[in-house]
PDB file of N, CA and C in Angstrom:
ATOM      1  N   MET A   1      -3.056  -1.338 -18.092  1.00  0.00           N
ATOM      2  CA  MET A   1      -2.152  -0.517 -17.156  1.00  0.00           C
ATOM      3  C   MET A   1      -0.681  -0.974 -17.405  1.00  0.00           C
ATOM      4  N   ASN A   2       0.160   0.002 -17.463  1.00  0.00           N
ATOM      5  CA  ASN A   2       1.503  -0.120 -17.553  1.00  0.00           C
ATOM      6  C   ASN A   2       2.074  -0.833 -16.338  1.00  0.00           C
ATOM      7  N   THR A   3       2.883  -1.932 -16.550  1.00  0.00           N
ATOM      8  CA  THR A   3       3.298  -2.663 -15.285  1.00  0.00           C
ATOM      9  C   THR A   3       4.282  -1.788 -14.357  1.00  0.00           C
ATOM     10  N   HIS A   4       4.831  -0.825 -14.808  1.00  0.00           N
ATOM     11  CA  HIS A   4       5.607   0.212 -14.185  1.00  0.00           C
ATOM     12  C   HIS A   4       4.973   1.426 -13.855  1.00  0.00           C
ATOM     13  N   GLN A   5       3.668   1.500 -13.917  1.00  0.00           N
ATOM     14  CA  GLN A   5       2.690   2.563 -13.490  1.00  0.00           C
ATOM     15  C   GLN A   5       2.915   2.855 -12.017  1.00  0.00           C
ATOM     16  N   PRO A   6       3.358   4.064 -11.585  1.00  0.00           N
ATOM     17  CA  PRO A   6       3.276   4.364 -10.149  1.00  0.00           C
ATOM     18  C   PRO A   6       1.885   4.195  -9.609  1.00  0.00           C
ATOM     19  N   ILE A   7       1.666   3.679  -8.404  1.00  0.00           N
ATOM     20  CA  ILE A   7       0.274   3.338  -7.750  1.00  0.00           C
ATOM     21  C   ILE A   7       0.417   3.814  -6.302  1.00  0.00           C
ATOM     22  N   ILE A   8      -0.720   4.084  -5.665  1.00  0.00           N
ATOM     23  CA  ILE A   8      -0.943   4.282  -4.345  1.00  0.00           C
ATOM     24  C   ILE A   8      -1.662   2.857  -3.851  1.00  0.00           C
ATOM     25  N   VAL A   9      -1.096   2.191  -3.014  1.00  0.00           N
ATOM     26  CA  VAL A   9      -1.713   1.055  -2.270  1.00  0.00           C
ATOM     27  C   VAL A   9      -2.418   1.554  -0.994  1.00  0.00           C
ATOM     28  N   MET A  10      -3.622   1.093  -0.827  1.00  0.00           N
ATOM     29  CA  MET A  10      -4.419   1.488   0.261  1.00  0.00           C
ATOM     30  C   MET A  10      -4.744   0.121   1.074  1.00  0.00           C
ATOM     31  N   VAL A  11      -4.397  -0.002   2.329  1.00  0.00           N
ATOM     32  CA  VAL A  11      -4.717  -1.186   3.160  1.00  0.00           C
ATOM     33  C   VAL A  11      -5.129  -0.610   4.418  1.00  0.00           C
ATOM     34  N   SER A  12      -6.321  -1.190   5.066  1.00  0.00           N
ATOM     35  CA  SER A  12      -6.732  -0.870   6.457  1.00  0.00           C
ATOM     36  C   SER A  12      -6.232  -1.877   7.275  1.00  0.00           C
ATOM     37  N   PHE A  13      -6.153  -1.368   8.587  1.00  0.00           N
ATOM     38  CA  PHE A  13      -5.615  -2.143   9.707  1.00  0.00           C
ATOM     39  C   PHE A  13      -6.369  -1.863  10.959  1.00  0.00           C
ATOM     40  N   PRO A  14      -6.260  -2.823  11.818  1.00  0.00           N
ATOM     41  CA  PRO A  14      -7.098  -2.760  13.211  1.00  0.00           C
ATOM     42  C   PRO A  14      -6.375  -1.642  14.085  1.00  0.00           C
ATOM     43  N   ASN A  15      -5.157  -1.425  13.983  1.00  0.00           N
ATOM     44  CA  ASN A  15      -4.437  -0.579  14.835  1.00  0.00           C
ATOM     45  C   ASN A  15      -3.089  -0.031  14.133  1.00  0.00           C
ATOM     46  N   ARG A  16      -2.481   0.971  14.810  1.00  0.00           N
ATOM     47  CA  ARG A  16      -1.220   1.635  14.336  1.00  0.00           C
ATOM     48  C   ARG A  16      -0.006   0.460  14.399  1.00  0.00           C
ATOM     49  N   GLU A  17       0.128  -0.229  15.422  1.00  0.00           N
ATOM     50  CA  GLU A  17       1.242  -0.959  15.547  1.00  0.00           C
ATOM     51  C   GLU A  17       1.287  -2.111  14.417  1.00  0.00           C
ATOM     52  N   ILE A  18       0.121  -2.582  14.122  1.00  0.00           N
ATOM     53  CA  ILE A  18       0.168  -3.813  12.912  1.00  0.00           C
ATOM     54  C   ILE A  18       0.359  -3.038  11.663  1.00  0.00           C
ATOM     55  N   ALA A  19      -0.213  -1.793  11.466  1.00  0.00           N
ATOM     56  CA  ALA A  19       0.078  -1.074  10.327  1.00  0.00           C
ATOM     57  C   ALA A  19       1.543  -0.766  10.079  1.00  0.00           C
ATOM     58  N   LEU A  20       2.169  -0.211  11.052  1.00  0.00           N
ATOM     59  CA  LEU A  20       3.554   0.008  10.961  1.00  0.00           C
ATOM     60  C   LEU A  20       4.487  -1.236  10.842  1.00  0.00           C
ATOM     61  N   GLU A  21       4.199  -2.259  11.523  1.00  0.00           N
ATOM     62  CA  GLU A  21       4.888  -3.594  11.421  1.00  0.00           C
ATOM     63  C   GLU A  21       4.842  -4.056   9.996  1.00  0.00           C
ATOM     64  N   ILE A  22       3.609  -4.061   9.319  1.00  0.00           N
ATOM     65  CA  ILE A  22       3.499  -4.483   7.907  1.00  0.00           C
ATOM     66  C   ILE A  22       4.021  -3.511   6.922  1.00  0.00           C
ATOM     67  N   ALA A  23       3.940  -2.245   7.138  1.00  0.00           N
ATOM     68  CA  ALA A  23       4.551  -1.304   6.287  1.00  0.00           C
ATOM     69  C   ALA A  23       6.174  -1.393   6.220  1.00  0.00           C
ATOM     70  N   LYS A  24       6.694  -1.647   7.460  1.00  0.00           N
ATOM     71  CA  LYS A  24       8.259  -1.792   7.637  1.00  0.00           C
ATOM     72  C   LYS A  24       8.539  -3.126   6.702  1.00  0.00           C
ATOM     73  N   GLU A  25       7.922  -4.071   6.830  1.00  0.00           N
ATOM     74  CA  GLU A  25       8.182  -5.280   5.997  1.00  0.00           C
ATOM     75  C   GLU A  25       8.282  -5.053   4.589  1.00  0.00           C
ATOM     76  N   LEU A  26       7.241  -4.308   4.182  1.00  0.00           N
ATOM     77  CA  LEU A  26       6.999  -3.874   2.664  1.00  0.00           C
ATOM     78  C   LEU A  26       8.119  -2.961   2.238  1.00  0.00           C
ATOM     79  N   ILE A  27       8.587  -2.072   3.087  1.00  0.00           N
ATOM     80  CA  ILE A  27       9.652  -1.185   2.802  1.00  0.00           C
ATOM     81  C   ILE A  27      11.021  -1.975   2.766  1.00  0.00           C
ATOM     82  N   GLU A  28      11.291  -2.767   3.637  1.00  0.00           N
ATOM     83  CA  GLU A  28      12.419  -3.628   3.709  1.00  0.00           C
ATOM     84  C   GLU A  28      12.566  -4.425   2.436  1.00  0.00           C
ATOM     85  N   LYS A  29      11.480  -4.931   2.061  1.00  0.00           N
ATOM     86  CA  LYS A  29      11.432  -5.834   0.831  1.00  0.00           C
ATOM     87  C   LYS A  29      11.481  -5.023  -0.551  1.00  0.00           C
ATOM     88  N   ARG A  30      11.463  -3.737  -0.339  1.00  0.00           N
ATOM     89  CA  ARG A  30      11.475  -2.742  -1.386  1.00  0.00           C
ATOM     90  C   ARG A  30      10.276  -2.918  -2.205  1.00  0.00           C
ATOM     91  N   LEU A  31       9.146  -3.295  -1.768  1.00  0.00           N
ATOM     92  CA  LEU A  31       7.789  -3.335  -2.442  1.00  0.00           C
ATOM     93  C   LEU A  31       7.141  -2.056  -2.486  1.00  0.00           C
ATOM     94  N   ILE A  32       7.353  -1.252  -1.455  1.00  0.00           N
ATOM     95  CA  ILE A  32       6.760   0.135  -1.358  1.00  0.00           C
ATOM     96  C   ILE A  32       7.998   1.054  -1.078  1.00  0.00           C
ATOM     97  N   ALA A  33       7.737   2.309  -1.478  1.00  0.00           N
ATOM     98  CA  ALA A  33       8.849   3.337  -1.282  1.00  0.00           C
ATOM     99  C   ALA A  33       8.667   4.085   0.164  1.00  0.00           C
ATOM    100  N   CYS A  34       7.350   4.265   0.417  1.00  0.00           N
ATOM    101  CA  CYS A  34       6.887   4.930   1.712  1.00  0.00           C
ATOM    102  C   CYS A  34       5.516   4.658   2.050  1.00  0.00           C
ATOM    103  N   ALA A  35       5.120   5.076   3.297  1.00  0.00           N
ATOM    104  CA  ALA A  35       3.767   4.841   3.699  1.00  0.00           C
ATOM    105  C   ALA A  35       3.328   5.974   4.600  1.00  0.00           C
ATOM    106  N   GLN A  36       2.069   6.432   4.538  1.00  0.00           N
ATOM    107  CA  GLN A  36       1.395   7.354   5.397  1.00  0.00           C
ATOM    108  C   GLN A  36       0.250   6.773   6.035  1.00  0.00           C
ATOM    109  N   PHE A  37      -0.136   7.127   7.249  1.00  0.00           N
ATOM    110  CA  PHE A  37      -1.160   6.466   8.110  1.00  0.00           C
ATOM    111  C   PHE A  37      -2.127   7.597   8.568  1.00  0.00           C
ATOM    112  N   SER A  38      -3.377   7.143   8.484  1.00  0.00           N
ATOM    113  CA  SER A  38      -4.444   8.125   9.027  1.00  0.00           C
ATOM    114  C   SER A  38      -5.374   7.117   9.845  1.00  0.00           C
ATOM    115  N   VAL A  39      -5.932   7.683  10.974  1.00  0.00           N
ATOM    116  CA  VAL A  39      -7.012   6.979  11.682  1.00  0.00           C
ATOM    117  C   VAL A  39      -8.281   7.303  11.028  1.00  0.00           C
ATOM    118  N   ILE A  40      -9.119   6.193  10.695  1.00  0.00           N
ATOM    119  CA  ILE A  40     -10.369   6.313   9.994  1.00  0.00           C
ATOM    120  C   ILE A  40     -11.427   5.607  10.801  1.00  0.00           C
ATOM    121  N   GLU A  41     -12.653   6.039  10.558  1.00  0.00           N
ATOM    122  CA  GLU A  41     -13.849   5.333  11.047  1.00  0.00           C
ATOM    123  C   GLU A  41     -14.381   4.523   9.935  1.00  0.00           C
ATOM    124  N   SER A  42     -14.638   3.241  10.146  1.00  0.00           N
ATOM    125  CA  SER A  42     -15.213   2.403   9.168  1.00  0.00           C
ATOM    126  C   SER A  42     -16.678   1.927   9.631  1.00  0.00           C
ATOM    127  N   LEU A  43     -17.493   1.787   8.654  1.00  0.00           N
ATOM    128  CA  LEU A  43     -18.801   1.323   8.767  1.00  0.00           C
ATOM    129  C   LEU A  43     -19.132   0.250   7.807  1.00  0.00           C
ATOM    130  N   TYR A  44     -19.287  -0.894   8.177  1.00  0.00           N
ATOM    131  CA  TYR A  44     -19.558  -2.094   7.315  1.00  0.00           C
ATOM    132  C   TYR A  44     -20.286  -3.225   7.867  1.00  0.00           C
ATOM    133  N   ARG A  45     -20.700  -4.261   7.074  1.00  0.00           N
ATOM    134  CA  ARG A  45     -21.381  -5.271   7.479  1.00  0.00           C
ATOM    135  C   ARG A  45     -20.364  -6.537   7.455  1.00  0.00           C
ATOM    136  N   TRP A  46     -20.337  -7.179   8.541  1.00  0.00           N
ATOM    137  CA  TRP A  46     -19.432  -8.463   8.700  1.00  0.00           C
ATOM    138  C   TRP A  46     -20.272  -9.459   9.455  1.00  0.00           C
ATOM    139  N   GLN A  47     -20.376 -10.589   8.844  1.00  0.00           N
ATOM    140  CA  GLN A  47     -21.042 -11.710   9.315  1.00  0.00           C
ATOM    141  C   GLN A  47     -22.416 -11.361   9.746  1.00  0.00           C
ATOM    142  N   ASN A  48     -23.189 -10.688   8.936  1.00  0.00           N
ATOM    143  CA  ASN A  48     -24.428 -10.257   9.225  1.00  0.00           C
ATOM    144  C   ASN A  48     -24.809  -9.266  10.304  1.00  0.00           C
ATOM    145  N   GLN A  49     -23.694  -8.628  10.736  1.00  0.00           N
ATOM    146  CA  GLN A  49     -23.735  -7.657  11.783  1.00  0.00           C
ATOM    147  C   GLN A  49     -23.202  -6.327  11.231  1.00  0.00           C
ATOM    148  N   LEU A  50     -23.867  -5.255  11.558  1.00  0.00           N
ATOM    149  CA  LEU A  50     -23.380  -3.965  11.183  1.00  0.00           C
ATOM    150  C   LEU A  50     -22.217  -3.585  12.220  1.00  0.00           C
ATOM    151  N   GLU A  51     -21.165  -3.297  11.623  1.00  0.00           N
ATOM    152  CA  GLU A  51     -19.813  -3.030  12.355  1.00  0.00           C
ATOM    153  C   GLU A  51     -19.516  -1.482  12.239  1.00  0.00           C
ATOM    154  N   ASN A  52     -19.002  -0.939  13.382  1.00  0.00           N
ATOM    155  CA  ASN A  52     -18.526   0.516  13.329  1.00  0.00           C
ATOM    156  C   ASN A  52     -17.246   0.502  14.129  1.00  0.00           C
ATOM    157  N   SER A  53     -16.095   0.696  13.502  1.00  0.00           N
ATOM    158  CA  SER A  53     -14.922   0.532  14.184  1.00  0.00           C
ATOM    159  C   SER A  53     -13.850   1.563  13.774  1.00  0.00           C
ATOM    160  N   GLN A  54     -12.917   1.910  14.553  1.00  0.00           N
ATOM    161  CA  GLN A  54     -11.683   2.758  14.236  1.00  0.00           C
ATOM    162  C   GLN A  54     -10.528   1.841  13.616  1.00  0.00           C
ATOM    163  N   GLU A  55     -10.049   2.270  12.454  1.00  0.00           N
ATOM    164  CA  GLU A  55      -8.970   1.534  11.935  1.00  0.00           C
ATOM    165  C   GLU A  55      -7.918   2.434  11.608  1.00  0.00           C
ATOM    166  N   VAL A  56      -6.717   1.946  11.145  1.00  0.00           N
ATOM    167  CA  VAL A  56      -5.754   2.770  10.554  1.00  0.00           C
ATOM    168  C   VAL A  56      -5.629   2.490   9.045  1.00  0.00           C
ATOM    169  N   MET A  57      -5.724   3.623   8.219  1.00  0.00           N
ATOM    170  CA  MET A  57      -5.497   3.345   6.796  1.00  0.00           C
ATOM    171  C   MET A  57      -4.118   3.795   6.371  1.00  0.00           C
ATOM    172  N   MET A  58      -3.523   2.929   5.509  1.00  0.00           N
ATOM    173  CA  MET A  58      -2.133   3.181   5.065  1.00  0.00           C
ATOM    174  C   MET A  58      -2.276   3.366   3.505  1.00  0.00           C
ATOM    175  N   HIS A  59      -1.669   4.622   3.142  1.00  0.00           N
ATOM    176  CA  HIS A  59      -1.447   4.906   1.902  1.00  0.00           C
ATOM    177  C   HIS A  59       0.030   4.781   1.463  1.00  0.00           C
ATOM    178  N   ALA A  60       0.414   3.822   0.538  1.00  0.00           N
ATOM    179  CA  ALA A  60       1.701   3.529   0.264  1.00  0.00           C
ATOM    180  C   ALA A  60       2.147   3.767  -1.245  1.00  0.00           C
ATOM    181  N   LYS A  61       3.184   4.241  -1.644  1.00  0.00           N
ATOM    182  CA  LYS A  61       3.684   4.409  -3.085  1.00  0.00           C
ATOM    183  C   LYS A  61       4.434   3.218  -3.455  1.00  0.00           C
ATOM    184  N   SER A  62       4.138   2.803  -4.698  1.00  0.00           N
ATOM    185  CA  SER A  62       4.804   1.688  -5.329  1.00  0.00           C
ATOM    186  C   SER A  62       4.591   1.722  -6.886  1.00  0.00           C
ATOM    187  N   ILE A  63       4.843   0.661  -7.489  1.00  0.00           N
ATOM    188  CA  ILE A  63       4.622   0.647  -8.858  1.00  0.00           C
ATOM    189  C   ILE A  63       3.818  -0.780  -9.237  1.00  0.00           C
ATOM    190  N   GLN A  64       3.112  -0.765 -10.167  1.00  0.00           N
ATOM    191  CA  GLN A  64       2.170  -1.792 -10.724  1.00  0.00           C
ATOM    192  C   GLN A  64       2.866  -3.253 -10.706  1.00  0.00           C
ATOM    193  N   THR A  65       4.186  -3.154 -10.871  1.00  0.00           N
ATOM    194  CA  THR A  65       4.891  -4.474 -11.080  1.00  0.00           C
ATOM    195  C   THR A  65       4.997  -5.104  -9.769  1.00  0.00           C
ATOM    196  N   TYR A  66       4.926  -4.449  -8.689  1.00  0.00           N
ATOM    197  CA  TYR A  66       4.896  -5.127  -7.315  1.00  0.00           C
ATOM    198  C   TYR A  66       3.674  -5.471  -6.737  1.00  0.00           C
ATOM    199  N   TRP A  67       2.550  -5.071  -7.410  1.00  0.00           N
ATOM    200  CA  TRP A  67       1.092  -5.242  -6.840  1.00  0.00           C
ATOM    201  C   TRP A  67       0.931  -6.741  -6.419  1.00  0.00           C
ATOM    202  N   ALA A  68       1.152  -7.743  -7.165  1.00  0.00           N
ATOM    203  CA  ALA A  68       0.933  -9.126  -6.738  1.00  0.00           C
ATOM    204  C   ALA A  68       1.841  -9.369  -5.503  1.00  0.00           C
ATOM    205  N   ALA A  69       3.019  -9.047  -5.379  1.00  0.00           N
ATOM    206  CA  ALA A  69       3.868  -9.348  -4.197  1.00  0.00           C
ATOM    207  C   ALA A  69       3.446  -8.652  -3.101  1.00  0.00           C
ATOM    208  N   ILE A  70       2.948  -7.402  -3.293  1.00  0.00           N
ATOM    209  CA  ILE A  70       2.462  -6.629  -2.057  1.00  0.00           C
ATOM    210  C   ILE A  70       1.158  -7.345  -1.524  1.00  0.00           C
ATOM    211  N   GLN A  71       0.170  -7.723  -2.402  1.00  0.00           N
ATOM    212  CA  GLN A  71      -0.821  -8.560  -1.800  1.00  0.00           C
ATOM    213  C   GLN A  71      -0.451  -9.727  -1.137  1.00  0.00           C
ATOM    214  N   VAL A  72       0.485 -10.657  -1.669  1.00  0.00           N
ATOM    215  CA  VAL A  72       0.923 -11.920  -0.965  1.00  0.00           C
ATOM    216  C   VAL A  72       1.468 -11.441   0.456  1.00  0.00           C
ATOM    217  N   CYS A  73       2.331 -10.432   0.516  1.00  0.00           N
ATOM    218  CA  CYS A  73       2.935 -10.101   1.760  1.00  0.00           C
ATOM    219  C   CYS A  73       1.995  -9.655   2.795  1.00  0.00           C
ATOM    220  N   VAL A  74       1.035  -8.736   2.368  1.00  0.00           N
ATOM    221  CA  VAL A  74       0.024  -8.172   3.253  1.00  0.00           C
ATOM    222  C   VAL A  74      -0.814  -9.380   3.743  1.00  0.00           C
ATOM    223  N   LYS A  75      -1.240 -10.205   2.939  1.00  0.00           N
ATOM    224  CA  LYS A  75      -2.309 -11.216   3.289  1.00  0.00           C
ATOM    225  C   LYS A  75      -1.531 -12.311   4.283  1.00  0.00           C
ATOM    226  N   GLN A  76      -0.240 -12.510   4.119  1.00  0.00           N
ATOM    227  CA  GLN A  76       0.471 -13.286   4.996  1.00  0.00           C
ATOM    228  C   GLN A  76       0.628 -12.702   6.525  1.00  0.00           C
ATOM    229  N   LEU A  77       0.602 -11.431   6.632  1.00  0.00           N
ATOM    230  CA  LEU A  77       1.017 -10.770   7.933  1.00  0.00           C
ATOM    231  C   LEU A  77      -0.214 -10.141   8.514  1.00  0.00           C
ATOM    232  N   HIS A  78      -1.390  -9.970   7.721  1.00  0.00           N
ATOM    233  CA  HIS A  78      -2.452  -9.232   8.173  1.00  0.00           C
ATOM    234  C   HIS A  78      -3.460 -10.077   9.087  1.00  0.00           C
ATOM    235  N   PRO A  79      -4.006  -9.464  10.259  1.00  0.00           N
ATOM    236  CA  PRO A  79      -4.811 -10.296  10.998  1.00  0.00           C
ATOM    237  C   PRO A  79      -6.185 -10.509  10.594  1.00  0.00           C
ATOM    238  N   TYR A  80      -6.619  -9.573   9.573  1.00  0.00           N
ATOM    239  CA  TYR A  80      -8.002  -9.837   9.097  1.00  0.00           C
ATOM    240  C   TYR A  80      -8.232 -10.999   8.372  1.00  0.00           C
ATOM    241  N   GLU A  81      -9.264 -11.591   8.365  1.00  0.00           N
ATOM    242  CA  GLU A  81      -9.488 -12.754   7.402  1.00  0.00           C
ATOM    243  C   GLU A  81      -9.695 -12.360   6.113  1.00  0.00           C
ATOM    244  N   ILE A  82     -10.242 -11.174   5.774  1.00  0.00           N
ATOM    245  CA  ILE A  82     -10.348 -10.576   4.398  1.00  0.00           C
ATOM    246  C   ILE A  82      -9.802  -9.140   4.532  1.00  0.00           C
ATOM    247  N   PRO A  83      -8.466  -8.926   4.419  1.00  0.00           N
ATOM    248  CA  PRO A  83      -8.082  -7.460   4.646  1.00  0.00           C
ATOM    249  C   PRO A  83      -8.468  -6.691   3.246  1.00  0.00           C
ATOM    250  N   GLU A  84      -8.709  -5.423   3.463  1.00  0.00           N
ATOM    251  CA  GLU A  84      -8.911  -4.464   2.336  1.00  0.00           C
ATOM    252  C   GLU A  84      -7.441  -4.176   1.761  1.00  0.00           C
ATOM    253  N   ILE A  85      -7.309  -4.504   0.537  1.00  0.00           N
ATOM    254  CA  ILE A  85      -6.128  -4.140  -0.173  1.00  0.00           C
ATOM    255  C   ILE A  85      -6.489  -3.681  -1.528  1.00  0.00           C
ATOM    256  N   ALA A  86      -6.203  -2.429  -1.767  1.00  0.00           N
ATOM    257  CA  ALA A  86      -6.592  -1.859  -2.979  1.00  0.00           C
ATOM    258  C   ALA A  86      -5.547  -1.023  -3.644  1.00  0.00           C
ATOM    259  N   ILE A  87      -5.633  -0.478  -4.932  1.00  0.00           N
ATOM    260  CA  ILE A  87      -4.706   0.380  -5.524  1.00  0.00           C
ATOM    261  C   ILE A  87      -5.354   1.380  -6.414  1.00  0.00           C
ATOM    262  N   THR A  88      -4.832   2.485  -6.633  1.00  0.00           N
ATOM    263  CA  THR A  88      -5.217   3.413  -7.575  1.00  0.00           C
ATOM    264  C   THR A  88      -3.991   3.961  -8.293  1.00  0.00           C
ATOM    265  N   PRO A  89      -4.088   4.099  -9.574  1.00  0.00           N
ATOM    266  CA  PRO A  89      -2.907   4.632 -10.305  1.00  0.00           C
ATOM    267  C   PRO A  89      -2.627   6.166 -10.036  1.00  0.00           C
ATOM    268  N   ILE A  90      -1.387   6.388 -10.140  1.00  0.00           N
ATOM    269  CA  ILE A  90      -0.989   7.926  -9.975  1.00  0.00           C
ATOM    270  C   ILE A  90      -0.853   8.370 -11.353  1.00  0.00           C
ATOM    271  N   LEU A  91      -1.763   9.297 -11.696  1.00  0.00           N
ATOM    272  CA  LEU A  91      -1.836   9.693 -13.070  1.00  0.00           C
ATOM    273  C   LEU A  91      -0.638  10.902 -13.443  1.00  0.00           C
ATOM    274  N   GLU A  92      -0.410  11.600 -12.368  1.00  0.00           N
ATOM    275  CA  GLU A  92       0.645  12.660 -12.517  1.00  0.00           C
ATOM    276  C   GLU A  92       1.481  12.595 -11.321  1.00  0.00           C
ATOM    277  N   ILE A  93       2.742  12.699 -11.448  1.00  0.00           N
ATOM    278  CA  ILE A  93       3.667  12.704 -10.369  1.00  0.00           C
ATOM    279  C   ILE A  93       4.953  13.518 -10.598  1.00  0.00           C
ATOM    280  N   ASP A  94       5.337  14.274  -9.512  1.00  0.00           N
ATOM    281  CA  ASP A  94       6.599  15.202  -9.709  1.00  0.00           C
ATOM    282  C   ASP A  94       7.779  14.235 -10.109  1.00  0.00           C
ATOM    283  N   ASN A  95       8.530  14.718 -11.122  1.00  0.00           N
ATOM    284  CA  ASN A  95       9.461  13.798 -11.637  1.00  0.00           C
ATOM    285  C   ASN A  95      10.734  13.546 -10.551  1.00  0.00           C
ATOM    286  N   THR A  96      11.011  14.609  -9.766  1.00  0.00           N
ATOM    287  CA  THR A  96      12.034  14.420  -8.709  1.00  0.00           C
ATOM    288  C   THR A  96      11.546  13.325  -7.779  1.00  0.00           C
ATOM    289  N   TYR A  97      10.270  13.300  -7.216  1.00  0.00           N
ATOM    290  CA  TYR A  97       9.606  12.431  -6.360  1.00  0.00           C
ATOM    291  C   TYR A  97       9.741  11.074  -6.963  1.00  0.00           C
ATOM    292  N   LEU A  98       9.223  10.946  -8.291  1.00  0.00           N
ATOM    293  CA  LEU A  98       9.233   9.716  -8.955  1.00  0.00           C
ATOM    294  C   LEU A  98      10.707   9.038  -8.932  1.00  0.00           C
ATOM    295  N   HIS A  99      11.803   9.809  -9.219  1.00  0.00           N
ATOM    296  CA  HIS A  99      13.108   9.330  -9.228  1.00  0.00           C
ATOM    297  C   HIS A  99      13.380   8.738  -7.908  1.00  0.00           C
ATOM    298  N   TRP A 100      13.077   9.469  -6.840  1.00  0.00           N
ATOM    299  CA  TRP A 100      13.344   8.973  -5.508  1.00  0.00           C
ATOM    300  C   TRP A 100      12.694   7.680  -5.217  1.00  0.00           C
ATOM    301  N   MET A 101      11.353   7.736  -5.627  1.00  0.00           N
ATOM    302  CA  MET A 101      10.560   6.530  -5.228  1.00  0.00           C
ATOM    303  C   MET A 101      11.117   5.369  -6.024  1.00  0.00           C
ATOM    304  N   LEU A 102      11.506   5.404  -7.287  1.00  0.00           N
ATOM    305  CA  LEU A 102      11.943   4.413  -8.053  1.00  0.00           C
ATOM    306  C   LEU A 102      13.355   3.812  -7.440  1.00  0.00           C
ATOM    307  N   GLU A 103      14.216   4.743  -6.876  1.00  0.00           N
ATOM    308  CA  GLU A 103      15.418   4.365  -6.315  1.00  0.00           C
ATOM    309  C   GLU A 103      15.041   3.622  -5.068  1.00  0.00           C
ATOM    310  N   GLU A 104      14.156   4.019  -4.332  1.00  0.00           N
ATOM    311  CA  GLU A 104      13.745   3.190  -2.959  1.00  0.00           C
ATOM    312  C   GLU A 104      13.196   1.914  -3.415  1.00  0.00           C
ATOM    313  N   LEU A 105      12.686   1.686  -4.494  1.00  0.00           N
ATOM    314  CA  LEU A 105      12.135   0.360  -5.081  1.00  0.00           C
ATOM    315  C   LEU A 105      13.128  -0.416  -5.687  1.00  0.00           C
ATOM    316  N   GLY A 106      14.318  -0.003  -5.863  1.00  0.00           N
ATOM    317  CA  GLY A 106      15.342  -0.696  -6.527  1.00  0.00           C
ATOM    318  C   GLY A 106      15.376  -0.648  -7.961  1.00  0.00           C
ATOM    319  N   GLN A 107      14.684   0.499  -8.506  1.00  0.00           N
ATOM    320  CA  GLN A 107      14.355   0.525  -9.941  1.00  0.00           C
ATOM    321  C   GLN A 107      15.088   1.796 -10.443  1.00  0.00           C
ATOM    322  N   SER A 108      16.100   2.240  -9.829  1.00  0.00           N
ATOM    323  CA  SER A 108      16.823   3.532 -10.278  1.00  0.00           C
ATOM    324  C   SER A 108      17.461   3.330 -11.580  1.00  0.00           C
ATOM    325  N   GLY A 109      17.544   4.296 -12.446  1.00  0.00           N
ATOM    326  CA  GLY A 109      18.037   4.242 -13.708  1.00  0.00           C
ATOM    327  C   GLY A 109      17.240   3.717 -14.771  1.00  0.00           C
ATOM    328  N   GLN A 110      15.909   3.346 -14.429  1.00  0.00           N
ATOM    329  CA  GLN A 110      15.062   2.696 -15.480  1.00  0.00           C
ATOM    330  C   GLN A 110      14.034   3.847 -15.820  1.00  0.00           C
ATOM    331  N   GLN A 111      13.720   3.749 -17.109  1.00  0.00           N
ATOM    332  CA  GLN A 111      12.633   4.597 -17.570  1.00  0.00           C
ATOM    333  C   GLN A 111      11.340   3.888 -17.564  1.00  0.00           C
ATOM    334  N   LEU A 112      10.605   4.001 -16.427  1.00  0.00           N
ATOM    335  CA  LEU A 112       9.581   3.190 -16.128  1.00  0.00           C
ATOM    336  C   LEU A 112       8.195   3.915 -16.418  1.00  0.00           C
ATOM    337  N   TYR A 113       8.111   5.159 -16.412  1.00  0.00           N
ATOM    338  CA  TYR A 113       6.748   5.803 -16.558  1.00  0.00           C
ATOM    339  C   TYR A 113       7.052   7.021 -17.425  1.00  0.00           C
ATOM    340  N   VAL A 114       6.112   7.069 -18.476  1.00  0.00           N
ATOM    341  CA  VAL A 114       6.128   8.240 -19.417  1.00  0.00           C
ATOM    342  C   VAL A 114       4.975   9.167 -18.992  1.00  0.00           C
TER     343      VAL A 114
END
């Protein structure tokens, strides 16, 4: 994967307040350009117990270059012992949006994605 590949970062949180707090930190550090939040219902096994809980899912836009730093920042601030942190590449993106996104990430003027 191209290190400057646009990505969507997905992280689940126990509530909206924590999600917003961590997203603000990531935006201030210019590791993500923006974030959207959705309330989700999660079903999973944790410590041999079936759990069903409401969580908040964050979808954030960034680039592959920042993936490692995003993981470190989220793990430092996240209350979960093992937080869900995943990415998916953005295969196609509007050029105008991409330029805005790169500017917000401190990468304006660079040809990062073809």
